[in-house]
N, C-alpha and C. Protein backbone atom coordinates (compact mmCIF):
# COMPACT_ATOMS: atom_id res chain seq x y z
N MET A 1 0.84 -1.18 0.00
CA MET A 1 0.00 0.00 0.00
C MET A 1 0.88 1.24 0.00
N ASN A 2 0.58 2.18 -0.85
CA ASN A 2 1.33 3.42 -0.95
C ASN A 2 0.78 4.43 0.06
N ILE A 3 1.61 4.79 1.04
CA ILE A 3 1.15 5.72 2.07
C ILE A 3 1.62 7.15 1.82
N LEU A 4 2.31 7.37 0.71
CA LEU A 4 2.83 8.70 0.42
C LEU A 4 1.73 9.77 0.37
N PRO A 5 0.59 9.54 -0.30
CA PRO A 5 -0.46 10.58 -0.30
C PRO A 5 -0.97 10.89 1.11
N GLN A 6 -1.06 9.87 1.95
CA GLN A 6 -1.51 10.09 3.32
C GLN A 6 -0.49 10.91 4.10
N LEU A 7 0.78 10.59 3.92
CA LEU A 7 1.84 11.34 4.60
C LEU A 7 1.87 12.80 4.14
N VAL A 8 1.70 13.01 2.85
CA VAL A 8 1.68 14.37 2.32
C VAL A 8 0.50 15.15 2.90
N SER A 9 -0.64 14.51 3.04
CA SER A 9 -1.80 15.16 3.64
C SER A 9 -1.53 15.55 5.09
N VAL A 10 -0.97 14.62 5.84
CA VAL A 10 -0.66 14.89 7.25
C VAL A 10 0.40 15.99 7.35
N PHE A 11 1.42 15.93 6.51
CA PHE A 11 2.48 16.94 6.51
C PHE A 11 1.91 18.32 6.20
N GLY A 12 1.07 18.39 5.17
CA GLY A 12 0.48 19.67 4.78
C GLY A 12 -0.40 20.27 5.86
N LEU A 13 -1.19 19.43 6.50
CA LEU A 13 -2.06 19.94 7.56
C LEU A 13 -1.26 20.33 8.79
N ALA A 14 -0.22 19.59 9.12
CA ALA A 14 0.60 19.91 10.30
C ALA A 14 1.34 21.22 10.13
N PHE A 15 1.58 21.62 8.90
CA PHE A 15 2.22 22.91 8.64
C PHE A 15 1.34 24.04 9.16
N ILE A 16 0.04 23.81 9.15
CA ILE A 16 -0.93 24.82 9.58
C ILE A 16 -1.44 24.54 10.99
N ASN A 17 -1.76 23.27 11.29
CA ASN A 17 -2.38 22.93 12.57
C ASN A 17 -1.88 21.56 13.03
N LEU A 18 -1.09 21.55 14.06
CA LEU A 18 -0.46 20.33 14.56
C LEU A 18 -1.49 19.31 15.05
N TRP A 19 -2.42 19.75 15.87
CA TRP A 19 -3.38 18.84 16.48
C TRP A 19 -4.22 18.12 15.45
N SER A 20 -4.75 18.86 14.50
CA SER A 20 -5.60 18.26 13.47
C SER A 20 -4.82 17.25 12.64
N ALA A 21 -3.56 17.54 12.38
CA ALA A 21 -2.75 16.63 11.57
C ALA A 21 -2.49 15.32 12.30
N VAL A 22 -2.28 15.39 13.60
CA VAL A 22 -2.08 14.16 14.38
C VAL A 22 -3.33 13.30 14.29
N LEU A 23 -4.48 13.92 14.48
CA LEU A 23 -5.73 13.17 14.42
C LEU A 23 -6.00 12.65 13.01
N LEU A 24 -5.66 13.43 12.00
CA LEU A 24 -5.80 12.96 10.61
C LEU A 24 -4.93 11.74 10.37
N GLY A 25 -3.71 11.77 10.85
CA GLY A 25 -2.82 10.63 10.69
C GLY A 25 -3.38 9.36 11.30
N LEU A 26 -3.98 9.50 12.48
CA LEU A 26 -4.61 8.34 13.11
C LEU A 26 -5.83 7.90 12.32
N ALA A 27 -6.62 8.85 11.84
CA ALA A 27 -7.82 8.51 11.06
C ALA A 27 -7.44 7.81 9.76
N LEU A 28 -6.28 8.12 9.22
CA LEU A 28 -5.81 7.47 7.99
C LEU A 28 -5.10 6.15 8.28
N SER A 29 -5.13 5.73 9.51
CA SER A 29 -4.52 4.46 9.96
C SER A 29 -3.01 4.40 9.75
N LEU A 30 -2.36 5.53 9.88
CA LEU A 30 -0.90 5.55 9.81
C LEU A 30 -0.33 5.15 11.16
N SER A 31 0.87 4.65 11.15
CA SER A 31 1.56 4.28 12.37
C SER A 31 1.71 5.53 13.26
N PRO A 32 1.44 5.41 14.56
CA PRO A 32 1.61 6.56 15.46
C PRO A 32 3.02 7.15 15.42
N VAL A 33 4.02 6.31 15.30
CA VAL A 33 5.40 6.80 15.22
C VAL A 33 5.59 7.63 13.95
N LEU A 34 5.05 7.15 12.85
CA LEU A 34 5.14 7.87 11.58
C LEU A 34 4.39 9.20 11.65
N VAL A 35 3.26 9.20 12.32
CA VAL A 35 2.48 10.44 12.48
C VAL A 35 3.26 11.46 13.31
N VAL A 36 3.85 11.01 14.41
CA VAL A 36 4.64 11.92 15.25
C VAL A 36 5.81 12.50 14.48
N ILE A 37 6.51 11.67 13.74
CA ILE A 37 7.66 12.15 12.96
C ILE A 37 7.21 13.14 11.89
N THR A 38 6.15 12.80 11.17
CA THR A 38 5.67 13.65 10.08
C THR A 38 5.16 15.00 10.59
N THR A 39 4.36 14.96 11.65
CA THR A 39 3.81 16.22 12.16
C THR A 39 4.90 17.10 12.77
N SER A 40 5.83 16.48 13.48
CA SER A 40 6.91 17.26 14.08
C SER A 40 7.79 17.91 13.01
N LEU A 41 8.10 17.15 11.96
CA LEU A 41 8.91 17.71 10.87
C LEU A 41 8.18 18.85 10.16
N SER A 42 6.91 18.67 9.91
CA SER A 42 6.14 19.70 9.22
C SER A 42 6.06 20.97 10.06
N TYR A 43 5.75 20.83 11.33
CA TYR A 43 5.67 21.97 12.24
C TYR A 43 7.01 22.71 12.26
N THR A 44 8.09 21.94 12.36
CA THR A 44 9.42 22.54 12.39
C THR A 44 9.73 23.25 11.07
N CYS A 45 9.27 22.70 9.96
CA CYS A 45 9.45 23.38 8.67
C CYS A 45 8.72 24.72 8.65
N GLY A 46 7.55 24.78 9.26
CA GLY A 46 6.82 26.04 9.37
C GLY A 46 7.61 27.08 10.14
N VAL A 47 8.26 26.63 11.21
CA VAL A 47 9.10 27.54 12.00
C VAL A 47 10.29 27.99 11.17
N ILE A 48 10.93 27.07 10.45
CA ILE A 48 12.10 27.41 9.64
C ILE A 48 11.76 28.43 8.57
N VAL A 49 10.63 28.26 7.91
CA VAL A 49 10.21 29.22 6.88
C VAL A 49 10.10 30.62 7.47
N VAL A 50 9.45 30.72 8.61
CA VAL A 50 9.29 32.04 9.24
C VAL A 50 10.64 32.59 9.67
N LEU A 51 11.49 31.76 10.23
CA LEU A 51 12.80 32.24 10.68
C LEU A 51 13.65 32.71 9.50
N LEU A 52 13.61 31.97 8.40
CA LEU A 52 14.41 32.37 7.23
C LEU A 52 13.88 33.65 6.59
N LEU A 53 12.58 33.77 6.50
CA LEU A 53 11.99 34.95 5.87
C LEU A 53 11.80 36.08 6.87
N GLY A 54 11.52 35.74 8.11
CA GLY A 54 11.16 36.74 9.10
C GLY A 54 12.31 37.51 9.70
N GLN A 55 13.46 36.87 9.87
CA GLN A 55 14.58 37.55 10.50
C GLN A 55 15.04 38.78 9.71
N PRO A 56 15.23 38.68 8.40
CA PRO A 56 15.63 39.90 7.66
C PRO A 56 14.55 40.99 7.71
N ILE A 57 13.28 40.59 7.65
CA ILE A 57 12.20 41.58 7.72
C ILE A 57 12.19 42.22 9.10
N ARG A 58 12.33 41.40 10.15
CA ARG A 58 12.36 41.91 11.52
C ARG A 58 13.52 42.89 11.71
N ASP A 59 14.68 42.54 11.17
CA ASP A 59 15.84 43.42 11.31
C ASP A 59 15.58 44.78 10.66
N ARG A 60 14.94 44.80 9.49
CA ARG A 60 14.61 46.07 8.83
C ARG A 60 13.61 46.89 9.63
N ILE A 61 12.59 46.21 10.13
CA ILE A 61 11.57 46.91 10.92
C ILE A 61 12.18 47.48 12.19
N MET A 62 13.01 46.69 12.87
CA MET A 62 13.62 47.16 14.11
C MET A 62 14.59 48.32 13.86
N ALA A 63 15.29 48.30 12.73
CA ALA A 63 16.19 49.40 12.42
C ALA A 63 15.41 50.70 12.19
N ARG A 64 14.24 50.56 11.62
CA ARG A 64 13.45 51.76 11.30
C ARG A 64 12.60 52.22 12.48
N PHE A 65 11.96 51.28 13.17
CA PHE A 65 10.99 51.64 14.21
C PHE A 65 11.36 51.09 15.59
N GLY A 66 12.58 50.66 15.77
CA GLY A 66 12.98 49.94 16.99
C GLY A 66 12.57 50.58 18.29
N GLY A 67 12.76 51.86 18.45
CA GLY A 67 12.41 52.52 19.70
C GLY A 67 10.92 52.47 20.00
N LYS A 68 10.10 52.60 18.97
CA LYS A 68 8.66 52.59 19.16
C LYS A 68 8.14 51.18 19.44
N LEU A 69 8.80 50.17 18.88
CA LEU A 69 8.34 48.79 19.05
C LEU A 69 8.77 48.17 20.37
N ASN A 70 9.74 48.74 21.03
CA ASN A 70 10.22 48.17 22.28
C ASN A 70 9.47 48.70 23.50
N ASP A 71 8.29 49.21 23.29
CA ASP A 71 7.47 49.72 24.38
C ASP A 71 6.95 48.56 25.22
N ASN A 72 7.36 48.48 26.47
CA ASN A 72 6.97 47.38 27.36
C ASN A 72 5.75 47.71 28.21
N ALA A 73 5.10 48.82 27.95
CA ALA A 73 3.96 49.23 28.77
C ALA A 73 2.75 48.31 28.57
N ASN A 74 2.63 47.70 27.41
CA ASN A 74 1.46 46.89 27.10
C ASN A 74 1.78 45.40 27.17
N ARG A 75 2.37 44.95 28.26
CA ARG A 75 2.79 43.55 28.41
C ARG A 75 1.77 42.78 29.23
N GLU A 76 0.61 42.55 28.63
CA GLU A 76 -0.45 41.81 29.30
C GLU A 76 -0.77 40.57 28.49
N GLY A 77 -1.48 39.65 29.12
CA GLY A 77 -1.95 38.46 28.42
C GLY A 77 -1.09 37.24 28.67
N PHE A 78 -1.62 36.12 28.22
CA PHE A 78 -1.00 34.82 28.46
C PHE A 78 0.40 34.72 27.86
N ILE A 79 0.55 35.14 26.62
CA ILE A 79 1.85 35.02 25.95
C ILE A 79 2.92 35.81 26.70
N TRP A 80 2.57 37.02 27.14
CA TRP A 80 3.55 37.82 27.88
C TRP A 80 3.92 37.16 29.20
N ARG A 81 2.93 36.58 29.90
CA ARG A 81 3.23 35.91 31.17
C ARG A 81 4.17 34.73 30.93
N VAL A 82 3.90 33.95 29.89
CA VAL A 82 4.77 32.82 29.56
C VAL A 82 6.16 33.32 29.20
N TRP A 83 6.23 34.37 28.38
CA TRP A 83 7.53 34.89 27.95
C TRP A 83 8.32 35.42 29.15
N ASP A 84 7.68 36.21 30.00
CA ASP A 84 8.38 36.78 31.15
C ASP A 84 8.85 35.70 32.12
N ARG A 85 8.10 34.64 32.22
CA ARG A 85 8.45 33.60 33.19
C ARG A 85 9.39 32.53 32.62
N PHE A 86 9.14 32.11 31.37
CA PHE A 86 9.87 30.97 30.83
C PHE A 86 10.71 31.28 29.59
N GLY A 87 10.55 32.44 28.97
CA GLY A 87 11.35 32.83 27.82
C GLY A 87 11.15 31.95 26.61
N VAL A 88 12.23 31.69 25.90
CA VAL A 88 12.19 30.92 24.66
C VAL A 88 11.67 29.50 24.90
N ILE A 89 12.06 28.91 26.01
CA ILE A 89 11.62 27.54 26.31
C ILE A 89 10.10 27.50 26.46
N GLY A 90 9.55 28.43 27.19
CA GLY A 90 8.10 28.48 27.37
C GLY A 90 7.37 28.71 26.07
N LEU A 91 7.86 29.64 25.26
CA LEU A 91 7.23 29.90 23.97
C LEU A 91 7.29 28.65 23.10
N GLY A 92 8.43 28.00 23.06
CA GLY A 92 8.58 26.80 22.24
C GLY A 92 7.67 25.67 22.68
N LEU A 93 7.46 25.55 23.97
CA LEU A 93 6.61 24.47 24.47
C LEU A 93 5.13 24.80 24.42
N PHE A 94 4.77 26.08 24.53
CA PHE A 94 3.36 26.46 24.52
C PHE A 94 2.83 26.81 23.14
N ALA A 95 3.69 27.16 22.19
CA ALA A 95 3.22 27.56 20.86
C ALA A 95 2.39 26.47 20.16
N PRO A 96 2.78 25.19 20.23
CA PRO A 96 1.97 24.18 19.53
C PRO A 96 0.53 24.08 20.05
N ILE A 97 0.30 24.41 21.31
CA ILE A 97 -1.06 24.30 21.84
C ILE A 97 -1.78 25.64 21.89
N THR A 98 -1.10 26.70 21.50
CA THR A 98 -1.75 28.01 21.52
C THR A 98 -1.79 28.65 20.14
N VAL A 99 -0.66 29.16 19.68
CA VAL A 99 -0.66 29.98 18.48
C VAL A 99 -0.15 29.28 17.22
N GLY A 100 0.54 28.17 17.36
CA GLY A 100 1.05 27.44 16.21
C GLY A 100 2.46 27.83 15.82
N ALA A 101 2.95 27.19 14.77
CA ALA A 101 4.35 27.33 14.36
C ALA A 101 4.68 28.72 13.85
N GLN A 102 3.94 29.17 12.88
CA GLN A 102 4.29 30.42 12.23
C GLN A 102 4.12 31.62 13.17
N ILE A 103 2.99 31.69 13.85
CA ILE A 103 2.76 32.80 14.78
C ILE A 103 3.74 32.72 15.94
N GLY A 104 4.01 31.52 16.43
CA GLY A 104 4.98 31.35 17.51
C GLY A 104 6.36 31.84 17.11
N ALA A 105 6.76 31.51 15.90
CA ALA A 105 8.08 31.95 15.42
C ALA A 105 8.11 33.47 15.24
N ILE A 106 7.02 34.04 14.73
CA ILE A 106 6.95 35.49 14.58
C ILE A 106 7.01 36.16 15.96
N LEU A 107 6.28 35.61 16.92
CA LEU A 107 6.34 36.15 18.29
C LEU A 107 7.76 36.06 18.84
N GLY A 108 8.38 34.91 18.66
CA GLY A 108 9.74 34.74 19.15
C GLY A 108 10.71 35.74 18.56
N LEU A 109 10.61 35.94 17.25
CA LEU A 109 11.47 36.92 16.60
C LEU A 109 11.19 38.33 17.10
N SER A 110 9.91 38.65 17.27
CA SER A 110 9.58 40.00 17.73
C SER A 110 10.01 40.23 19.17
N LEU A 111 10.17 39.15 19.93
CA LEU A 111 10.63 39.27 21.32
C LEU A 111 12.14 39.09 21.44
N ASN A 112 12.82 39.15 20.32
CA ASN A 112 14.28 39.07 20.25
C ASN A 112 14.85 37.72 20.68
N ALA A 113 14.11 36.66 20.45
CA ALA A 113 14.61 35.32 20.76
C ALA A 113 15.70 34.95 19.76
N PRO A 114 16.77 34.32 20.20
CA PRO A 114 17.79 33.85 19.26
C PRO A 114 17.17 32.80 18.33
N PRO A 115 17.28 32.98 17.01
CA PRO A 115 16.60 32.07 16.07
C PRO A 115 16.94 30.59 16.25
N ARG A 116 18.19 30.26 16.49
CA ARG A 116 18.55 28.84 16.65
C ARG A 116 17.91 28.24 17.91
N ARG A 117 17.93 29.00 18.96
CA ARG A 117 17.34 28.52 20.21
C ARG A 117 15.82 28.41 20.07
N LEU A 118 15.23 29.38 19.38
CA LEU A 118 13.79 29.35 19.13
C LEU A 118 13.43 28.12 18.31
N LEU A 119 14.19 27.85 17.27
CA LEU A 119 13.95 26.67 16.43
C LEU A 119 14.05 25.39 17.26
N LEU A 120 15.08 25.27 18.07
CA LEU A 120 15.26 24.09 18.90
C LEU A 120 14.06 23.85 19.81
N TRP A 121 13.64 24.87 20.54
CA TRP A 121 12.57 24.69 21.51
C TRP A 121 11.21 24.53 20.84
N MET A 122 11.01 25.13 19.69
CA MET A 122 9.74 24.94 18.99
C MET A 122 9.68 23.53 18.40
N ALA A 123 10.82 23.00 17.95
CA ALA A 123 10.85 21.61 17.47
C ALA A 123 10.60 20.63 18.61
N ILE A 124 11.19 20.90 19.77
CA ILE A 124 10.95 20.05 20.94
C ILE A 124 9.47 20.12 21.34
N GLY A 125 8.90 21.33 21.31
CA GLY A 125 7.48 21.48 21.63
C GLY A 125 6.59 20.71 20.68
N ALA A 126 6.92 20.76 19.39
CA ALA A 126 6.13 20.02 18.39
C ALA A 126 6.21 18.52 18.65
N LEU A 127 7.40 18.04 18.91
CA LEU A 127 7.57 16.60 19.19
C LEU A 127 6.80 16.21 20.45
N LEU A 128 6.95 16.99 21.50
CA LEU A 128 6.27 16.70 22.75
C LEU A 128 4.75 16.66 22.58
N TRP A 129 4.20 17.70 21.95
CA TRP A 129 2.74 17.76 21.81
C TRP A 129 2.21 16.76 20.81
N SER A 130 2.99 16.40 19.80
CA SER A 130 2.57 15.33 18.89
C SER A 130 2.42 14.02 19.65
N ILE A 131 3.38 13.75 20.51
CA ILE A 131 3.33 12.52 21.32
C ILE A 131 2.14 12.56 22.28
N VAL A 132 1.94 13.69 22.94
CA VAL A 132 0.83 13.82 23.89
C VAL A 132 -0.51 13.61 23.19
N VAL A 133 -0.69 14.25 22.03
CA VAL A 133 -1.96 14.12 21.30
C VAL A 133 -2.15 12.69 20.79
N ILE A 134 -1.08 12.06 20.30
CA ILE A 134 -1.17 10.67 19.85
C ILE A 134 -1.60 9.76 21.00
N ILE A 135 -0.97 9.93 22.15
CA ILE A 135 -1.32 9.09 23.31
C ILE A 135 -2.76 9.32 23.74
N ALA A 136 -3.16 10.59 23.84
CA ALA A 136 -4.53 10.89 24.26
C ALA A 136 -5.56 10.35 23.26
N ALA A 137 -5.30 10.55 21.98
CA ALA A 137 -6.23 10.05 20.96
C ALA A 137 -6.27 8.52 20.94
N SER A 138 -5.11 7.90 21.10
CA SER A 138 -5.06 6.43 21.12
C SER A 138 -5.81 5.87 22.32
N ILE A 139 -5.66 6.49 23.47
CA ILE A 139 -6.40 6.06 24.66
C ILE A 139 -7.90 6.23 24.41
N GLY A 140 -8.28 7.33 23.81
CA GLY A 140 -9.69 7.55 23.49
C GLY A 140 -10.23 6.53 22.52
N ILE A 141 -9.46 6.21 21.50
CA ILE A 141 -9.88 5.21 20.51
C ILE A 141 -10.02 3.84 21.17
N LEU A 142 -9.03 3.48 21.99
CA LEU A 142 -9.10 2.19 22.70
C LEU A 142 -10.30 2.14 23.63
N GLY A 143 -10.60 3.25 24.27
CA GLY A 143 -11.76 3.30 25.15
C GLY A 143 -13.06 3.11 24.40
N VAL A 144 -13.18 3.76 23.26
CA VAL A 144 -14.39 3.61 22.44
C VAL A 144 -14.51 2.19 21.93
N GLN A 145 -13.40 1.61 21.50
CA GLN A 145 -13.43 0.23 21.01
C GLN A 145 -13.83 -0.75 22.11
N SER A 146 -13.34 -0.53 23.32
CA SER A 146 -13.70 -1.45 24.41
C SER A 146 -15.17 -1.31 24.79
N VAL A 147 -15.69 -0.10 24.75
CA VAL A 147 -17.10 0.11 25.06
C VAL A 147 -17.98 -0.52 24.00
N THR A 148 -17.62 -0.33 22.74
CA THR A 148 -18.46 -0.91 21.66
C THR A 148 -18.35 -2.43 21.62
N SER A 149 -17.18 -2.98 21.97
CA SER A 149 -17.06 -4.45 21.97
C SER A 149 -17.83 -5.06 23.15
N GLN A 150 -17.91 -4.35 24.26
CA GLN A 150 -18.68 -4.83 25.40
C GLN A 150 -20.18 -4.71 25.16
N ALA A 151 -20.57 -3.71 24.37
CA ALA A 151 -21.99 -3.50 24.07
C ALA A 151 -22.51 -4.53 23.08
N SER A 152 -21.63 -5.12 22.30
CA SER A 152 -22.07 -6.07 21.27
C SER A 152 -22.43 -7.39 21.83
């Protein structure tokens, strides 16, 4: 059986939404290990695209408007609390369950996170959350199967 179209579908969806892609991979009966690898790679590719394209744009914007953009008076909300408390590690671990790869990378760049460190922690976050979602979904599927087999 050729699983390449299924992998491409999971990869494409994970570029946009990690959680949905993990569930799609399970729905397509792909191996959980393959789903975790595919979704983590796709998510990380999304981060890489933003880092490659975003860093030069960020540098230009900061050179032109840097003083105005560094205003710390409006530091409210969940993302700011995570950033102030956990920095790049927190953003990397929370981005997959909150804002996603591209927005997380843009946030990291705008908060002056070192790109390599941001990439590392966002990749770790993607891997971690892919595994968590796979385990949770698998437990749910097993639970449904046991209930339906007992009902029969």
